[in-house]
Amino acid sequence: MCSEYFKPIVVSLNRIAGQVRGIGQMVEDERYCIDILHQIHAVKAALSKVEDQVLRLHAACCVEEAITSGDAELQRSKFNELVEVFAKAKL
């Protein structure tokens, strides 16, 4: 992955980690279930956005690098990685 793009992803993941800790506190405080569910949905949406960012970075950096390398084996490897990720996402 392109290292210069790590920082915003780390910032997002740290924010999400804080949200998850907040949900834990809500459960401990026996907050209203619907409020907890709203927060869980917010975390899932935030994780989905980070997932999209990482996928885009992989395509922009790793896959592009494999394509420009001219190495057919590396290109197939990167393509197969993407296929596996999409296959797992269906679960």
Protein backbone atom coordinates (compact mmCIF):
# COMPACT_ATOMS: atom_id res chain seq x y z
CA MET A 1 0.00 0.00 0.00
CA CYS A 2 1.21 3.54 -0.63
CA SER A 3 2.60 4.64 2.70
CA GLU A 4 1.63 8.31 2.29
CA TYR A 5 -2.04 7.29 2.44
CA PHE A 6 -1.75 5.44 5.75
CA LYS A 7 -2.35 8.45 8.00
CA PRO A 8 -6.00 9.19 7.10
CA ILE A 9 -6.81 5.49 7.35
CA VAL A 10 -5.21 5.27 10.79
CA VAL A 11 -7.11 8.38 11.87
CA SER A 12 -10.38 6.83 10.69
CA LEU A 13 -9.65 3.52 12.42
CA ASN A 14 -8.77 5.29 15.67
CA ARG A 15 -12.06 7.19 15.49
CA ILE A 16 -13.93 3.93 14.89
CA ALA A 17 -12.14 2.31 17.83
CA GLY A 18 -13.37 5.20 19.98
CA GLN A 19 -16.90 4.68 18.71
CA VAL A 20 -16.70 0.97 19.60
CA ARG A 21 -15.48 1.82 23.11
CA GLY A 22 -18.40 4.25 23.36
CA ILE A 23 -20.82 1.48 22.41
CA GLY A 24 -19.32 -0.71 25.11
CA GLN A 25 -19.89 2.07 27.62
CA MET A 26 -23.47 2.47 26.40
CA VAL A 27 -24.09 -1.24 27.04
CA GLU A 28 -22.52 -1.01 30.49
CA ASP A 29 -24.71 2.00 31.24
CA GLU A 30 -27.75 0.00 30.04
CA ARG A 31 -28.67 2.65 27.48
CA TYR A 32 -31.70 2.25 25.25
CA CYS A 33 -31.21 -0.61 22.79
CA ILE A 34 -32.21 1.42 19.73
CA ASP A 35 -29.58 4.06 20.58
CA ILE A 36 -26.96 1.32 20.81
CA LEU A 37 -28.09 -0.12 17.47
CA HIS A 38 -27.81 3.30 15.84
CA GLN A 39 -24.23 3.54 17.02
CA ILE A 40 -23.45 0.02 15.80
CA HIS A 41 -24.80 0.95 12.36
CA ALA A 42 -22.63 4.09 12.37
CA VAL A 43 -19.53 1.97 13.10
CA LYS A 44 -20.42 -0.48 10.33
CA ALA A 45 -20.82 2.39 7.86
CA ALA A 46 -17.50 3.92 8.94
CA LEU A 47 -15.74 0.56 8.54
CA SER A 48 -17.26 0.18 5.10
CA LYS A 49 -15.81 3.56 4.09
CA VAL A 50 -12.37 2.54 5.35
CA GLU A 51 -12.69 -0.74 3.46
CA ASP A 52 -13.43 1.23 0.28
CA GLN A 53 -10.40 3.46 0.89
CA VAL A 54 -8.08 0.49 1.35
CA LEU A 55 -9.46 -1.22 -1.76
CA ARG A 56 -8.93 1.94 -3.80
CA LEU A 57 -5.39 2.26 -2.46
CA HIS A 58 -4.65 -1.33 -3.32
CA ALA A 59 -5.84 -0.75 -6.88
CA ALA A 60 -4.01 2.58 -7.19
CA CYS A 61 -0.75 1.37 -5.72
CA CYS A 62 -0.27 -2.38 -5.58
CA VAL A 63 -2.23 -3.38 -8.67
CA GLU A 64 -0.95 -0.44 -10.71
CA GLU A 65 2.60 -1.31 -9.69
CA ALA A 66 2.07 -4.91 -10.82
CA ILE A 67 0.66 -3.76 -14.16
CA THR A 68 3.52 -1.37 -14.86
CA SER A 69 6.11 -3.95 -13.81
CA GLY A 70 5.29 -6.11 -16.81
CA ASP A 71 5.62 -9.18 -14.58
CA ALA A 72 2.76 -11.47 -15.66
CA GLU A 73 3.03 -13.64 -12.53
CA LEU A 74 2.81 -10.60 -10.24
CA GLN A 75 -0.14 -9.29 -12.24
CA ARG A 76 -1.99 -12.60 -11.89
CA SER A 77 -1.19 -12.68 -8.18
CA LYS A 78 -2.66 -9.20 -7.59
CA PHE A 79 -5.71 -10.03 -9.69
CA ASN A 80 -6.26 -13.27 -7.74
CA GLU A 81 -5.97 -11.37 -4.46
CA LEU A 82 -8.79 -9.08 -5.56
CA VAL A 83 -10.94 -12.02 -6.65
CA GLU A 84 -10.44 -13.67 -3.23
CA VAL A 85 -11.33 -10.48 -1.37
CA PHE A 86 -14.53 -10.06 -3.38
CA ALA A 87 -15.40 -13.75 -2.89
CA LYS A 88 -15.01 -13.42 0.89
CA ALA A 89 -17.11 -10.24 0.88
CA LYS A 90 -20.06 -12.28 -0.37
CA LEU A 91 -20.13 -14.32 2.85
